[in-house]
N, C-alpha and C. Protein backbone atom coordinates (compact mmCIF):
# COMPACT_ATOMS: atom_id res chain seq x y z
N MET A 1 77.01 71.24 -88.34
CA MET A 1 77.33 69.92 -87.83
C MET A 1 76.28 68.92 -88.31
N LYS A 2 76.72 67.72 -88.55
CA LYS A 2 75.82 66.67 -88.99
C LYS A 2 75.05 66.12 -87.80
N ALA A 3 73.92 65.51 -88.10
CA ALA A 3 73.08 64.93 -87.06
C ALA A 3 73.81 63.80 -86.34
N THR A 4 74.62 63.04 -87.05
CA THR A 4 75.35 61.95 -86.40
C THR A 4 76.40 62.47 -85.43
N THR A 5 77.03 63.59 -85.77
CA THR A 5 78.01 64.19 -84.87
C THR A 5 77.35 64.67 -83.59
N ILE A 6 76.19 65.28 -83.73
CA ILE A 6 75.45 65.74 -82.55
C ILE A 6 75.01 64.56 -81.70
N ALA A 7 74.54 63.49 -82.34
CA ALA A 7 74.10 62.30 -81.61
C ALA A 7 75.26 61.65 -80.85
N VAL A 8 76.41 61.57 -81.49
CA VAL A 8 77.58 60.98 -80.84
C VAL A 8 78.03 61.86 -79.67
N SER A 9 78.02 63.16 -79.86
CA SER A 9 78.40 64.08 -78.78
C SER A 9 77.44 63.96 -77.60
N ALA A 10 76.16 63.86 -77.88
CA ALA A 10 75.16 63.70 -76.82
C ALA A 10 75.35 62.38 -76.09
N ALA A 11 75.63 61.32 -76.83
CA ALA A 11 75.85 60.01 -76.21
C ALA A 11 77.08 60.02 -75.31
N VAL A 12 78.14 60.66 -75.76
CA VAL A 12 79.36 60.76 -74.93
C VAL A 12 79.07 61.58 -73.68
N ALA A 13 78.31 62.65 -73.80
CA ALA A 13 77.97 63.48 -72.65
C ALA A 13 77.14 62.69 -71.63
N VAL A 14 76.20 61.89 -72.12
CA VAL A 14 75.37 61.06 -71.23
C VAL A 14 76.22 60.01 -70.52
N ILE A 15 77.12 59.40 -71.25
CA ILE A 15 78.01 58.39 -70.64
C ILE A 15 78.90 59.03 -69.58
N CYS A 16 79.45 60.20 -69.85
CA CYS A 16 80.29 60.90 -68.87
C CYS A 16 79.48 61.26 -67.62
N ALA A 17 78.27 61.72 -67.81
CA ALA A 17 77.41 62.07 -66.68
C ALA A 17 77.09 60.84 -65.84
N ALA A 18 76.82 59.72 -66.50
CA ALA A 18 76.53 58.48 -65.78
C ALA A 18 77.73 58.01 -64.97
N ILE A 19 78.91 58.11 -65.55
CA ILE A 19 80.14 57.73 -64.84
C ILE A 19 80.34 58.64 -63.62
N LEU A 20 80.11 59.92 -63.78
CA LEU A 20 80.25 60.85 -62.67
C LEU A 20 79.28 60.52 -61.53
N VAL A 21 78.04 60.21 -61.86
CA VAL A 21 77.06 59.84 -60.84
C VAL A 21 77.47 58.55 -60.15
N LEU A 22 77.92 57.58 -60.90
CA LEU A 22 78.35 56.31 -60.33
C LEU A 22 79.52 56.50 -59.38
N LEU A 23 80.52 57.26 -59.79
CA LEU A 23 81.68 57.49 -58.93
C LEU A 23 81.30 58.27 -57.67
N THR A 24 80.36 59.20 -57.79
CA THR A 24 79.91 59.95 -56.62
C THR A 24 79.21 59.02 -55.64
N ASP A 25 78.37 58.12 -56.14
CA ASP A 25 77.70 57.16 -55.26
C ASP A 25 78.70 56.25 -54.56
N ILE A 26 79.70 55.82 -55.28
CA ILE A 26 80.72 54.97 -54.68
C ILE A 26 81.48 55.74 -53.61
N GLU A 27 81.81 56.99 -53.88
CA GLU A 27 82.53 57.81 -52.90
C GLU A 27 81.71 57.99 -51.62
N VAL A 28 80.43 58.26 -51.76
CA VAL A 28 79.56 58.44 -50.59
C VAL A 28 79.48 57.14 -49.79
N THR A 29 79.35 56.01 -50.48
CA THR A 29 79.27 54.72 -49.79
C THR A 29 80.56 54.41 -49.03
N VAL A 30 81.70 54.65 -49.68
CA VAL A 30 82.98 54.39 -49.02
C VAL A 30 83.17 55.32 -47.82
N THR A 31 82.79 56.57 -47.96
CA THR A 31 82.91 57.53 -46.86
C THR A 31 82.06 57.11 -45.67
N ARG A 32 80.83 56.70 -45.96
CA ARG A 32 79.96 56.24 -44.86
C ARG A 32 80.51 54.98 -44.21
N TRP A 33 81.03 54.05 -45.03
CA TRP A 33 81.57 52.83 -44.45
C TRP A 33 82.77 53.17 -43.56
N TRP A 34 83.64 54.05 -44.05
CA TRP A 34 84.83 54.41 -43.30
C TRP A 34 84.46 55.13 -42.01
N SER A 35 83.48 56.04 -42.08
CA SER A 35 83.11 56.84 -40.92
C SER A 35 82.23 56.08 -39.93
N CYS A 36 81.47 55.12 -40.39
CA CYS A 36 80.50 54.42 -39.53
C CYS A 36 80.81 52.94 -39.38
N GLY A 37 81.86 52.48 -39.98
CA GLY A 37 82.17 51.06 -40.01
C GLY A 37 82.91 50.56 -38.78
N PRO A 38 83.53 49.42 -38.92
CA PRO A 38 84.17 48.76 -37.78
C PRO A 38 85.35 49.53 -37.19
N LEU A 39 85.95 50.42 -37.94
CA LEU A 39 87.10 51.18 -37.43
C LEU A 39 86.69 52.52 -36.82
N ALA A 40 85.40 52.83 -36.84
CA ALA A 40 84.92 54.13 -36.38
C ALA A 40 84.91 54.20 -34.85
N THR A 41 85.10 55.41 -34.36
CA THR A 41 85.01 55.62 -32.91
C THR A 41 83.53 55.70 -32.52
N THR A 42 83.27 55.63 -31.24
CA THR A 42 81.89 55.70 -30.74
C THR A 42 81.24 57.02 -31.12
N THR A 43 81.98 58.10 -31.03
CA THR A 43 81.44 59.41 -31.39
C THR A 43 81.05 59.46 -32.86
N GLU A 44 81.87 58.90 -33.72
CA GLU A 44 81.55 58.88 -35.14
C GLU A 44 80.32 58.03 -35.43
N VAL A 45 80.21 56.90 -34.76
CA VAL A 45 79.05 56.02 -34.97
C VAL A 45 77.77 56.71 -34.52
N GLN A 46 77.86 57.56 -33.51
CA GLN A 46 76.68 58.26 -33.01
C GLN A 46 76.40 59.56 -33.77
N SER A 47 77.20 59.88 -34.76
CA SER A 47 77.02 61.12 -35.52
C SER A 47 75.74 61.06 -36.36
N ARG A 48 75.30 62.22 -36.81
CA ARG A 48 74.06 62.31 -37.58
C ARG A 48 74.17 61.52 -38.89
N MET A 49 75.34 61.55 -39.54
CA MET A 49 75.52 60.83 -40.79
C MET A 49 75.30 59.33 -40.59
N CYS A 50 75.85 58.80 -39.52
CA CYS A 50 75.71 57.35 -39.28
C CYS A 50 74.28 57.00 -38.85
N GLN A 51 73.62 57.87 -38.15
CA GLN A 51 72.26 57.59 -37.73
C GLN A 51 71.30 57.60 -38.92
N GLN A 52 71.56 58.43 -39.93
CA GLN A 52 70.71 58.49 -41.11
C GLN A 52 70.84 57.24 -41.96
N GLU A 53 71.98 56.59 -41.87
CA GLU A 53 72.22 55.40 -42.68
C GLU A 53 71.34 54.24 -42.23
N ARG A 54 71.09 54.15 -40.96
CA ARG A 54 70.36 53.01 -40.40
C ARG A 54 68.93 53.03 -40.76
């Protein structure tokens, strides 16, 4: 394989990894908002996950 092919493959792998991390962060944020936000029950707001957020 040529050096340029390896470099392009590495760049694509890094971009895919960055997208995966970004989507995971967004998912965690949305889950916390949903579980601890304005629609949450009192029990959910008092849960360990919601207490760690504060």
